[in-house]
Amino acid sequence: MLPQLVLAFAAAQPVAIPPQPLLKQEIAARDSAFFELFFQACDPGKLRAMIADDVEMYHDKGGFVFRGADSMIAEYSKSCEARKKPDSWRSRRELVAASLVVDPVPGHGAMQFGEHLFYERKGDGPEKLVGRARFAQVWVLDNGNWKLSRILSYAHGPASQ
């Protein structure tokens, strides 16, 4: 019984969240690395290290997209394969830097809010700005590593909004 209590106590210990402006800088850097990997690279192992086991994504156009790291990695891997075709559509996401808000979640992680722009191109063709949306994300600090836990992507519309 004692080892179980020790493990439960250790798991319940809150994490130390960095103070501002360091918190915002860390989350902005992690956000950038995540979206560059997600849209432009293909490394399922690296992506897996960036997400929580219980990651969930909700999308105002796509619905409840996935629950759990295995589901997310499976979808990501399919997308990677599709992007290998020379005439496939490729996307890029760009954070609207002035919109970024990061607030701490004491003992757990951080909440991130903002707007982002989406660009697309077919094959090696020219890139075109195609849309704008808002997002909210929850990051958990796990043994010194920021992991994405919850993703909400909403208010998708034309880039001119």
Foldseek 3Di string as FASTA:
>chain_A
DVVVVVVVVVVQFFDDQDDPPVQVVVVVVLVVVQQCCQFPNADLVVNLLQADQQAWEAEPVPGGQDTGSVSVSVVSNVVVVQVVDQFGKGKHKAFPVVFWDWDADTRWFIKIKGKIWMWMDTRPGDIDTFWMWIKMWTWGQDPNHTHTHYIYIYPIDGPVD
